[in-house]
Amino acid sequence: MTAVPVPRSRRPLFQLAVLGTVLVVATGAATSGLSAKLTLPVLLVAGILVVAGRKVLSLNGVIWIVLLDVLFVPVTRYKFPVHLPFDLDPYRVVVGGLVLAWLAALLVDPSVRPRRSDFRACVALVLGVALASEVANHARVSPISSHVIKDFTYFVAYVLLFCVLVSLVRSRRDVDRIVRVLVGGGSIVAVCAVIESRTGFNPFDHLHSLIPILQYYNAQDLTRGGHFRALASADHPIALSAMLVCVLPLAVYLCRTRGKIWWLATFALVVGNLATASRTGIVMLAVVVLVYVWLRWKEMRRLWPALVPALIAVHFAVPGALGGIYASFAPGSNLVSSQQGTPGLENGRLSHYWRARAVLETDPLFGHGYGTRITGVGTPGANSPVFDNEWLDTIVDTGLAGVFAWLFFFGRVVTRFGRDGKRDQSARGWLLVGVCASLLAFGVGMFFYDAFSFTQVTAVFWIIVAIGVAARRLSPSEFSAAAA
């Protein structure tokens, strides 16, 4: 159904209303004592909205803003200087704006309507189990309700982002736009990670110089084996490597359908992953390769001759990365012993399994409650170490019900996308295979880090699920006919 055009005569009124509202807010902020460096950006935003008008404020424009915010603005390093019971970070603002814009469009635009997802039962089960764990553990939740609400609202924000994208992304053109933004933006982040690994300079630590309204918090300095680990726009090198690997299969889809120039983006994503010195990223990358071997064996055989030149290029792009990978996984390395750690400390994936056993003995069904664990060295009210294993987190937080819900979710999406992608040899099939590889790699990676604690990679995960849902709804003929 074609969109109903907005009468031209209403556009100036619409722009004036936006300008007036933002100016009132800016004036109130200035009179309340805020400095000019906080109020001037508000006026700048007002000018952009007035000039760009409906193009920026359209749903597609807001989606772009959300994608760019997810890729380029580190959540834990930037906040708005507003005193609220919770931290007001850019991710909350842009996702909230997208949801409000979508709800408003549902009321006034007949072409915008909610759409059901094939995986609505999976999403509802995961969300319902998290809520049920809160109810079942109300005694644990009450003393730390503010922290629990913060974690739960973040979870709901991911689900709402997924629902909005499922509703709005309806054609191949819509799908390809989002894929190009993710791959293009991800490759920029990857290049910045490589530069950071070589020079130590991280451009994402200086966004507050361009956007003064953002308040910056120092990032942590992380190294492994004496080698600097790139952070870029993520909250941790492991989360950065996971995000880049999840985007990588989408780059392969663009290579197959949009030209060889996207091979540069693919190479950048691989090299950026290596710049993080993350073993988790290497494991996830191996999962992606195995999925393509399983679903696209003939095409993968043709790429083997390019392996040696690719390794040489990687060596010059990130010197020492290949040697570091070998040292991390080679026989005689401290891979297993380094995971033992010391109970009570945040340095050992294998040292905290006793906690899961204790939970299974006392609260097997719903665990201790979603969001009841407060982690982090120096965090006020911290009551738990970081497990570095999201599946272990799930057992402790939501019990066996939560583990079953997520296994059901991953089993459903991976098998359906993989099955359809294997049968379909068209461009649509390549996209579904890529989505399958991304989601399976994410699920395997959850064994090696607390994935849902990192906003960027988790948001990318839900966006990729929505891309797969949109592509799967289109038949191969519709997908090919809609190529731009």
Protein backbone atom coordinates (compact mmCIF):
# COMPACT_ATOMS: atom_id res chain seq x y z
CA MET A 1 0.00 0.00 0.00
CA THR A 2 1.42 3.38 -0.94
CA ALA A 3 1.95 5.98 1.73
CA VAL A 4 -0.60 8.77 2.02
CA PRO A 5 1.21 12.07 1.22
CA VAL A 6 1.08 14.87 3.75
CA PRO A 7 -0.52 18.03 2.29
CA ARG A 8 2.16 20.49 1.30
CA SER A 9 0.50 23.37 3.11
CA ARG A 10 0.99 21.64 6.45
CA ARG A 11 4.76 21.28 6.19
CA PRO A 12 5.64 24.87 7.22
CA LEU A 13 3.30 24.58 10.20
CA PHE A 14 4.91 21.29 11.12
CA GLN A 15 8.39 22.78 10.94
CA LEU A 16 7.38 25.85 12.91
CA ALA A 17 5.87 23.64 15.59
CA VAL A 18 9.10 21.68 15.87
CA LEU A 19 11.19 24.84 16.01
CA GLY A 20 8.91 26.44 18.60
CA THR A 21 8.95 23.37 20.84
CA VAL A 22 12.73 22.99 20.77
CA LEU A 23 13.26 26.74 21.33
CA VAL A 24 11.00 26.65 24.37
CA VAL A 25 12.99 23.74 25.77
CA ALA A 26 16.28 25.47 25.03
CA THR A 27 15.10 28.73 26.62
CA GLY A 28 13.95 26.91 29.73
CA ALA A 29 17.28 25.10 29.97
CA ALA A 30 19.20 28.37 29.60
CA THR A 31 17.15 30.20 32.24
CA SER A 32 17.62 27.29 34.64
CA GLY A 33 21.36 27.87 34.69
CA LEU A 34 22.70 25.41 32.12
CA SER A 35 25.74 26.59 30.18
CA ALA A 36 25.63 27.67 26.58
CA LYS A 37 27.56 24.60 25.46
CA LEU A 38 24.52 22.55 26.45
CA THR A 39 21.82 24.79 25.00
CA LEU A 40 23.48 25.72 21.71
CA PRO A 41 23.42 22.13 20.40
CA VAL A 42 19.67 22.11 21.03
CA LEU A 43 19.31 25.17 18.81
CA LEU A 44 21.48 23.47 16.20
CA VAL A 45 19.23 20.42 16.25
CA ALA A 46 16.22 22.70 15.83
CA GLY A 47 17.80 24.29 12.76
CA ILE A 48 18.53 20.89 11.22
CA LEU A 49 14.97 19.76 11.79
CA VAL A 50 13.54 22.90 10.24
CA VAL A 51 15.80 22.72 7.19
CA ALA A 52 15.49 18.99 6.62
CA GLY A 53 11.86 18.87 7.67
CA ARG A 54 9.98 15.65 7.28
CA LYS A 55 12.89 13.79 5.71
CA VAL A 56 14.81 13.67 8.99
CA LEU A 57 11.72 13.30 11.14
CA SER A 58 10.24 10.55 8.98
CA LEU A 59 10.31 7.02 10.34
CA ASN A 60 13.11 6.07 7.93
CA GLY A 61 15.13 9.05 9.13
CA VAL A 62 14.67 8.09 12.77
CA ILE A 63 15.72 4.50 11.96
CA TRP A 64 18.93 5.84 10.45
CA ILE A 65 19.55 7.92 13.58
CA VAL A 66 19.08 4.82 15.74
CA LEU A 67 21.48 2.76 13.62
CA LEU A 68 24.15 5.46 13.65
CA ASP A 69 23.78 5.92 17.39
CA VAL A 70 24.14 2.18 18.01
CA LEU A 71 27.26 1.97 15.86
CA PHE A 72 29.09 5.17 16.77
CA VAL A 73 28.11 6.31 20.29
CA PRO A 74 29.56 4.23 23.17
CA VAL A 75 26.74 3.84 25.67
CA THR A 76 28.73 3.65 28.91
CA ARG A 77 31.05 6.50 27.92
CA TYR A 78 28.43 9.12 27.11
CA LYS A 79 25.43 10.36 29.05
CA PHE A 80 23.22 13.42 28.97
CA PRO A 81 23.85 15.68 32.00
CA VAL A 82 20.31 15.31 33.34
CA HIS A 83 19.53 14.37 36.92
CA LEU A 84 17.14 11.41 36.78
CA PRO A 85 16.77 8.16 38.76
CA PHE A 86 18.58 6.46 35.86
CA ASP A 87 21.34 7.43 33.42
CA LEU A 88 19.94 9.12 30.34
CA ASP A 89 22.16 7.80 27.56
CA PRO A 90 21.76 8.46 23.82
CA TYR A 91 20.51 4.92 23.15
CA ARG A 92 17.48 5.36 25.42
CA VAL A 93 16.68 8.69 23.78
CA VAL A 94 16.88 7.59 20.15
CA VAL A 95 15.04 4.28 20.66
CA GLY A 96 12.38 6.07 22.69
CA GLY A 97 12.05 8.63 19.89
CA LEU A 98 11.69 5.86 17.31
CA VAL A 99 8.98 4.09 19.32
CA LEU A 100 7.06 7.35 19.87
CA ALA A 101 7.34 8.25 16.18
CA TRP A 102 6.07 4.79 15.23
CA LEU A 103 3.11 5.03 17.64
CA ALA A 104 2.24 8.47 16.28
CA ALA A 105 2.44 7.16 12.70
CA LEU A 106 0.10 4.29 13.60
CA LEU A 107 -2.52 6.89 14.55
CA VAL A 108 -2.25 9.20 11.53
CA ASP A 109 -0.77 7.22 8.62
CA PRO A 110 -2.85 4.34 7.19
CA SER A 111 0.23 2.91 5.47
CA VAL A 112 1.94 2.26 8.80
CA ARG A 113 0.53 -0.65 10.74
CA PRO A 114 1.88 -3.27 13.14
CA ARG A 115 2.92 -6.56 11.61
CA ARG A 116 3.22 -9.95 13.22
CA SER A 117 6.51 -11.77 13.28
CA ASP A 118 6.93 -15.49 12.67
CA PHE A 119 8.93 -15.53 15.89
CA ARG A 120 6.49 -13.60 18.07
CA ALA A 121 6.00 -16.67 20.29
CA CYS A 122 9.76 -16.92 20.88
CA VAL A 123 10.06 -13.22 21.73
CA ALA A 124 6.98 -13.32 23.96
CA LEU A 125 8.33 -16.37 25.79
CA VAL A 126 11.70 -14.74 26.48
CA LEU A 127 10.06 -11.53 27.67
CA GLY A 128 7.43 -13.37 29.70
CA VAL A 129 9.99 -15.52 31.50
CA ALA A 130 12.03 -12.44 32.44
CA LEU A 131 8.90 -10.79 33.86
CA ALA A 132 7.84 -13.97 35.67
CA SER A 133 11.28 -14.18 37.32
CA GLU A 134 10.73 -10.68 38.72
CA VAL A 135 7.37 -11.63 40.17
CA ALA A 136 8.67 -14.90 41.62
CA ASN A 137 11.57 -13.08 43.31
CA HIS A 138 9.81 -9.92 44.52
CA ALA A 139 11.63 -10.13 47.87
CA ARG A 140 15.02 -9.92 46.10
CA VAL A 141 13.80 -7.34 43.60
CA SER A 142 12.35 -4.79 46.05
CA PRO A 143 15.63 -3.64 47.71
CA ILE A 144 17.30 -3.04 44.33
CA SER A 145 14.21 -2.14 42.30
CA SER A 146 15.88 0.83 40.56
CA HIS A 147 18.65 -1.40 39.13
CA VAL A 148 16.15 -4.09 38.14
CA ILE A 149 13.92 -1.55 36.39
CA LYS A 150 16.92 -0.17 34.52
CA ASP A 151 17.94 -3.60 33.23
CA PHE A 152 14.39 -4.62 32.39
CA THR A 153 13.63 -1.39 30.50
CA TYR A 154 16.77 -1.93 28.44
CA PHE A 155 15.52 -5.41 27.58
CA VAL A 156 12.11 -4.04 26.65
CA ALA A 157 13.83 -1.39 24.48
CA TYR A 158 15.51 -4.16 22.45
CA VAL A 159 12.19 -5.92 21.95
CA LEU A 160 10.46 -2.66 20.95
CA LEU A 161 13.25 -1.91 18.47
CA PHE A 162 12.73 -5.35 16.96
CA CYS A 163 8.95 -4.87 16.76
CA VAL A 164 9.24 -1.44 15.13
CA LEU A 165 11.69 -2.68 12.50
CA VAL A 166 9.51 -5.72 11.75
CA SER A 167 6.60 -3.33 11.21
CA LEU A 168 8.45 -0.81 9.03
CA VAL A 169 10.92 -2.88 6.98
CA ARG A 170 8.75 -4.36 4.23
CA SER A 171 10.71 -4.39 0.98
CA ARG A 172 14.12 -5.38 -0.27
CA ARG A 173 15.00 -1.73 -0.61
CA ASP A 174 14.28 -1.22 3.09
CA VAL A 175 16.30 -4.31 3.97
CA ASP A 176 19.27 -3.32 1.84
CA ARG A 177 19.34 0.19 3.28
CA ILE A 178 19.64 -1.14 6.81
CA VAL A 179 22.20 -3.75 5.76
CA ARG A 180 24.33 -1.13 4.00
CA VAL A 181 24.23 1.14 7.05
CA LEU A 182 25.25 -1.71 9.36
CA VAL A 183 28.05 -2.93 7.09
CA GLY A 184 29.27 0.53 6.12
CA GLY A 185 29.14 1.82 9.68
CA GLY A 186 30.62 -1.40 11.05
CA SER A 187 33.54 -1.20 8.61
CA ILE A 188 34.22 2.39 9.72
CA VAL A 189 34.27 1.22 13.33
CA ALA A 190 36.60 -1.63 12.33
CA VAL A 191 39.03 0.72 10.57
CA CYS A 192 39.03 2.96 13.64
CA ALA A 193 39.78 -0.12 15.76
CA VAL A 194 42.78 -0.97 13.58
CA ILE A 195 44.05 2.62 13.82
CA GLU A 196 43.54 2.51 17.59
CA SER A 197 45.51 -0.73 17.86
CA ARG A 198 48.41 0.88 15.98
CA THR A 199 48.37 4.39 17.50
CA GLY A 200 46.30 4.20 20.70
CA PHE A 201 44.02 6.98 19.44
CA ASN A 202 40.27 6.30 19.70
CA PRO A 203 38.15 8.91 17.86
CA PHE A 204 35.00 7.74 19.68
CA ASP A 205 36.46 9.14 22.92
CA HIS A 206 36.16 12.64 21.46
CA LEU A 207 32.54 12.80 20.36
CA HIS A 208 31.80 15.27 23.15
CA SER A 209 34.00 17.78 21.33
CA LEU A 210 31.54 17.69 18.42
CA ILE A 211 28.40 17.25 20.52
CA PRO A 212 28.99 19.23 23.73
CA ILE A 213 25.68 18.17 25.23
CA LEU A 214 27.13 14.70 25.78
CA GLN A 215 29.00 14.09 29.02
CA TYR A 216 32.05 11.86 28.65
CA TYR A 217 33.24 9.17 31.07
CA ASN A 218 36.76 7.78 30.71
CA ALA A 219 37.13 4.39 29.06
CA GLN A 220 39.12 1.60 30.63
CA ASP A 221 42.55 0.70 29.32
CA LEU A 222 42.69 -2.98 28.39
CA THR A 223 45.63 -5.06 27.25
CA ARG A 224 46.30 -8.75 26.70
CA GLY A 225 49.73 -10.30 26.69
CA GLY A 226 51.29 -6.85 26.43
CA HIS A 227 49.27 -6.06 23.28
CA PHE A 228 46.87 -3.13 23.21
CA ARG A 229 43.23 -4.17 22.66
CA ALA A 230 41.12 -1.88 20.49
CA LEU A 231 37.86 -0.60 21.97
CA ALA A 232 36.52 1.80 19.29
CA SER A 233 32.82 2.53 19.88
CA ALA A 234 32.11 -0.53 22.03
CA ASP A 235 32.18 -0.93 25.81
CA HIS A 236 34.71 -3.78 25.76
CA PRO A 237 37.05 -5.36 23.18
CA ILE A 238 35.14 -8.65 23.36
CA ALA A 239 31.84 -6.89 22.65
CA LEU A 240 33.47 -5.02 19.75
CA SER A 241 34.79 -8.22 18.20
CA ALA A 242 31.38 -9.89 18.61
CA MET A 243 29.60 -7.00 16.92
CA LEU A 244 32.00 -6.97 13.98
CA VAL A 245 31.60 -10.73 13.49
CA CYS A 246 27.80 -10.45 13.58
CA VAL A 247 27.92 -7.80 10.84
CA LEU A 248 30.43 -9.74 8.72
CA PRO A 249 27.91 -12.15 7.08
CA LEU A 250 25.81 -9.17 5.98
CA ALA A 251 28.91 -7.84 4.21
CA VAL A 252 29.23 -11.18 2.41
CA TYR A 253 25.64 -10.77 1.21
CA LEU A 254 26.49 -7.32 -0.20
CA CYS A 255 29.59 -8.77 -1.91
CA ARG A 256 27.36 -11.28 -3.69
CA THR A 257 24.66 -8.79 -4.67
CA ARG A 258 26.07 -5.25 -4.71
CA GLY A 259 29.54 -5.50 -6.18
CA LYS A 260 33.13 -6.34 -5.27
CA ILE A 261 33.69 -2.99 -3.53
CA TRP A 262 32.05 -4.51 -0.46
CA TRP A 263 34.94 -6.97 -0.17
CA LEU A 264 36.89 -4.04 1.28
CA ALA A 265 34.29 -3.71 4.02
CA THR A 266 34.46 -7.47 4.60
CA PHE A 267 38.23 -7.34 4.96
CA ALA A 268 37.97 -4.34 7.29
CA LEU A 269 35.53 -6.20 9.55
CA VAL A 270 37.84 -9.23 9.77
CA VAL A 271 40.91 -7.12 10.51
CA GLY A 272 38.99 -5.03 13.04
CA ASN A 273 37.99 -8.22 14.81
CA LEU A 274 41.64 -9.27 15.07
CA ALA A 275 42.61 -5.84 16.39
CA THR A 276 40.59 -6.53 19.54
CA ALA A 277 42.83 -9.51 20.47
CA SER A 278 39.66 -11.33 21.51
CA ARG A 279 39.52 -15.13 21.52
CA THR A 280 35.73 -14.92 21.65
CA GLY A 281 35.70 -13.10 18.32
CA ILE A 282 37.89 -15.81 16.77
CA VAL A 283 35.53 -18.53 18.00
CA MET A 284 32.54 -16.65 16.60
CA LEU A 285 34.36 -16.13 13.30
CA ALA A 286 34.97 -19.89 13.12
CA VAL A 287 31.24 -20.47 13.66
CA VAL A 288 30.43 -18.13 10.76
CA VAL A 289 32.85 -20.00 8.49
CA LEU A 290 31.33 -23.36 9.49
CA VAL A 291 27.83 -22.13 8.71
CA TYR A 292 28.91 -21.07 5.22
CA VAL A 293 30.71 -24.37 4.71
CA TRP A 294 27.50 -26.15 5.71
CA LEU A 295 25.08 -24.04 3.64
CA ARG A 296 27.29 -22.75 0.77
CA TRP A 297 29.99 -25.40 0.34
CA LYS A 298 30.46 -24.98 -3.42
CA GLU A 299 31.01 -21.25 -3.15
CA MET A 300 33.33 -21.62 -0.16
CA ARG A 301 35.60 -24.04 -2.07
CA ARG A 302 36.29 -21.33 -4.62
CA LEU A 303 37.59 -18.97 -1.95
CA TRP A 304 40.35 -21.22 -0.57
CA PRO A 305 43.02 -19.90 -3.03
CA ALA A 306 42.49 -16.41 -1.60
CA LEU A 307 43.28 -17.56 1.94
CA VAL A 308 47.07 -17.07 1.80
CA PRO A 309 46.95 -13.54 0.29
CA ALA A 310 44.31 -12.64 2.88
CA LEU A 311 46.53 -13.81 5.74
CA ILE A 312 49.45 -11.80 4.37
CA ALA A 313 47.26 -8.69 4.15
CA VAL A 314 46.04 -9.25 7.72
CA HIS A 315 49.64 -9.55 8.94
CA PHE A 316 50.56 -6.15 7.51
CA ALA A 317 47.32 -4.50 8.66
CA VAL A 318 47.55 -5.74 12.25
CA PRO A 319 51.12 -6.91 12.96
CA GLY A 320 51.31 -9.60 15.59
CA ALA A 321 47.59 -10.43 15.49
CA LEU A 322 48.01 -13.84 13.85
CA GLY A 323 50.85 -14.75 16.20
CA GLY A 324 48.75 -13.68 19.17
CA ILE A 325 45.88 -15.89 18.02
CA TYR A 326 48.17 -18.88 17.66
CA ALA A 327 49.69 -18.26 21.08
CA SER A 328 46.21 -18.05 22.63
CA PHE A 329 44.97 -21.35 21.23
CA ALA A 330 48.16 -23.37 20.71
CA PRO A 331 48.95 -26.45 22.83
CA GLY A 332 50.80 -25.44 25.96
CA SER A 333 49.09 -22.07 26.21
CA ASN A 334 47.37 -20.98 29.41
CA LEU A 335 43.94 -20.99 27.76
CA VAL A 336 42.29 -23.37 30.23
CA SER A 337 44.14 -22.25 33.35
CA SER A 338 43.37 -18.59 32.61
CA GLN A 339 39.67 -19.41 32.71
CA GLN A 340 39.83 -20.93 36.18
CA GLY A 341 40.42 -17.64 37.95
CA THR A 342 39.73 -17.18 41.64
CA PRO A 343 36.21 -17.44 43.09
CA GLY A 344 34.89 -13.98 43.89
CA LEU A 345 37.05 -12.26 41.31
CA GLU A 346 35.99 -11.22 37.83
CA ASN A 347 38.61 -13.19 35.95
CA GLY A 348 37.60 -16.74 35.24
CA ARG A 349 34.78 -18.08 33.14
CA LEU A 350 35.06 -21.52 34.73
CA SER A 351 35.30 -20.34 38.32
CA HIS A 352 31.66 -19.39 38.79
CA TYR A 353 29.79 -22.51 37.73
CA TRP A 354 29.26 -23.38 41.38
CA ARG A 355 26.92 -20.39 41.55
CA ALA A 356 24.70 -21.84 38.85
CA ARG A 357 24.63 -25.14 40.69
CA ALA A 358 23.56 -23.38 43.89
CA VAL A 359 20.77 -21.57 42.06
CA LEU A 360 19.55 -24.79 40.45
CA GLU A 361 19.36 -26.39 43.89
CA THR A 362 17.34 -23.56 45.48
CA ASP A 363 15.51 -21.68 42.68
CA PRO A 364 15.62 -23.93 39.61
CA LEU A 365 12.62 -22.60 37.70
CA PHE A 366 13.03 -18.80 37.66
CA GLY A 367 16.44 -18.24 39.25
CA HIS A 368 17.12 -15.17 41.40
CA GLY A 369 15.26 -12.71 39.17
CA TYR A 370 16.16 -10.80 36.01
CA GLY A 371 18.45 -7.86 36.79
CA THR A 372 19.00 -8.70 40.45
CA ARG A 373 22.74 -9.17 40.01
CA ILE A 374 24.80 -5.97 40.21
CA THR A 375 28.28 -6.46 38.79
CA GLY A 376 31.42 -4.44 38.23
CA VAL A 377 34.44 -3.51 40.32
CA GLY A 378 33.64 -0.36 42.28
CA THR A 379 29.97 -0.37 41.28
CA PRO A 380 27.77 0.81 44.18
CA GLY A 381 25.80 -2.11 45.61
CA ALA A 382 27.70 -4.76 43.63
CA ASN A 383 26.57 -8.20 44.77
CA SER A 384 27.99 -10.51 42.12
CA PRO A 385 31.13 -10.97 40.01
CA VAL A 386 31.02 -10.85 36.23
CA PHE A 387 30.49 -14.40 34.98
CA ASP A 388 31.74 -13.81 31.40
CA ASN A 389 29.12 -16.32 30.27
CA GLU A 390 25.65 -15.14 29.27
CA TRP A 391 24.20 -18.64 29.46
CA LEU A 392 25.44 -18.85 33.04
CA ASP A 393 23.93 -15.41 33.68
CA THR A 394 20.64 -16.70 32.30
CA ILE A 395 20.63 -19.70 34.63
CA VAL A 396 21.26 -17.52 37.67
CA ASP A 397 18.86 -14.73 36.64
CA THR A 398 15.91 -16.61 35.14
CA GLY A 399 16.60 -20.27 35.89
CA LEU A 400 15.83 -23.23 33.67
CA ALA A 401 12.79 -21.41 32.26
CA GLY A 402 15.06 -18.66 30.90
CA VAL A 403 17.53 -21.13 29.42
CA PHE A 404 14.70 -23.03 27.74
CA ALA A 405 13.21 -19.78 26.37
CA TRP A 406 16.49 -18.68 24.80
CA LEU A 407 17.30 -22.14 23.46
CA PHE A 408 13.83 -22.21 21.90
CA PHE A 409 14.45 -18.74 20.42
CA PHE A 410 17.84 -19.59 18.91
CA GLY A 411 16.70 -23.01 17.74
CA ARG A 412 13.71 -21.53 15.96
CA VAL A 413 15.42 -18.61 14.22
CA VAL A 414 18.62 -20.44 13.26
CA THR A 415 16.87 -23.49 11.83
CA ARG A 416 14.29 -21.49 9.88
CA PHE A 417 16.75 -18.99 8.43
CA GLY A 418 19.27 -21.74 7.71
CA ARG A 419 16.72 -24.06 6.08
CA ASP A 420 15.28 -21.33 3.84
CA GLY A 421 18.73 -20.00 2.99
CA LYS A 422 20.01 -23.42 1.96
CA ARG A 423 17.06 -24.01 -0.36
CA ASP A 424 17.15 -20.55 -1.91
CA GLN A 425 20.20 -19.87 -4.09
CA SER A 426 19.08 -16.32 -4.96
CA ALA A 427 20.14 -13.08 -3.28
CA ARG A 428 17.45 -13.64 -0.65
CA GLY A 429 19.01 -16.99 0.21
CA TRP A 430 22.43 -15.41 0.69
CA LEU A 431 20.94 -12.89 3.09
CA LEU A 432 19.14 -15.60 5.08
CA VAL A 433 22.34 -17.65 5.28
CA GLY A 434 24.15 -14.56 6.54
CA VAL A 435 21.49 -13.92 9.18
CA CYS A 436 21.69 -17.58 10.25
CA ALA A 437 25.49 -17.34 10.58
CA SER A 438 25.29 -14.09 12.58
CA LEU A 439 22.70 -15.37 15.04
CA LEU A 440 24.37 -18.74 15.58
CA ALA A 441 27.73 -17.03 16.15
CA PHE A 442 26.09 -14.72 18.67
CA GLY A 443 24.53 -17.67 20.50
CA VAL A 444 27.85 -19.53 20.66
CA GLY A 445 29.64 -16.37 21.72
CA MET A 446 27.29 -16.10 24.70
CA PHE A 447 29.26 -18.92 26.30
CA PHE A 448 32.37 -16.71 26.47
CA TYR A 449 31.14 -13.28 27.59
CA ASP A 450 28.12 -11.62 29.20
CA ALA A 451 26.63 -10.59 25.87
CA PHE A 452 23.45 -8.88 27.06
CA SER A 453 25.46 -6.54 29.30
CA PHE A 454 26.69 -4.70 26.19
CA THR A 455 24.17 -2.48 24.43
CA GLN A 456 25.82 -2.16 21.02
CA VAL A 457 26.20 -5.83 20.14
CA THR A 458 22.81 -6.76 21.66
CA ALA A 459 21.03 -4.04 19.67
CA VAL A 460 22.79 -5.24 16.49
CA PHE A 461 21.65 -8.78 17.30
CA TRP A 462 17.97 -7.73 17.46
CA ILE A 463 18.33 -5.61 14.31
CA ILE A 464 19.72 -8.61 12.41
CA VAL A 465 16.81 -10.77 13.58
CA ALA A 466 14.41 -8.13 12.24
CA ILE A 467 16.30 -8.06 8.92
CA GLY A 468 15.91 -11.84 8.64
CA VAL A 469 12.18 -11.63 9.39
CA ALA A 470 11.69 -8.97 6.71
CA ALA A 471 13.68 -10.93 4.09
CA ARG A 472 11.93 -14.19 4.89
CA ARG A 473 8.53 -12.61 4.28
CA LEU A 474 9.47 -11.79 0.71
CA SER A 475 9.44 -14.58 -1.86
CA PRO A 476 12.62 -15.11 -3.93
CA SER A 477 10.89 -13.60 -6.97
CA GLU A 478 9.69 -10.55 -5.02
CA PHE A 479 13.15 -10.09 -3.52
CA SER A 480 14.84 -10.24 -6.93
CA ALA A 481 12.26 -8.05 -8.64
CA ALA A 482 12.65 -5.36 -5.99
CA ALA A 483 16.42 -4.99 -6.50
CA ALA A 484 17.30 -1.33 -6.66
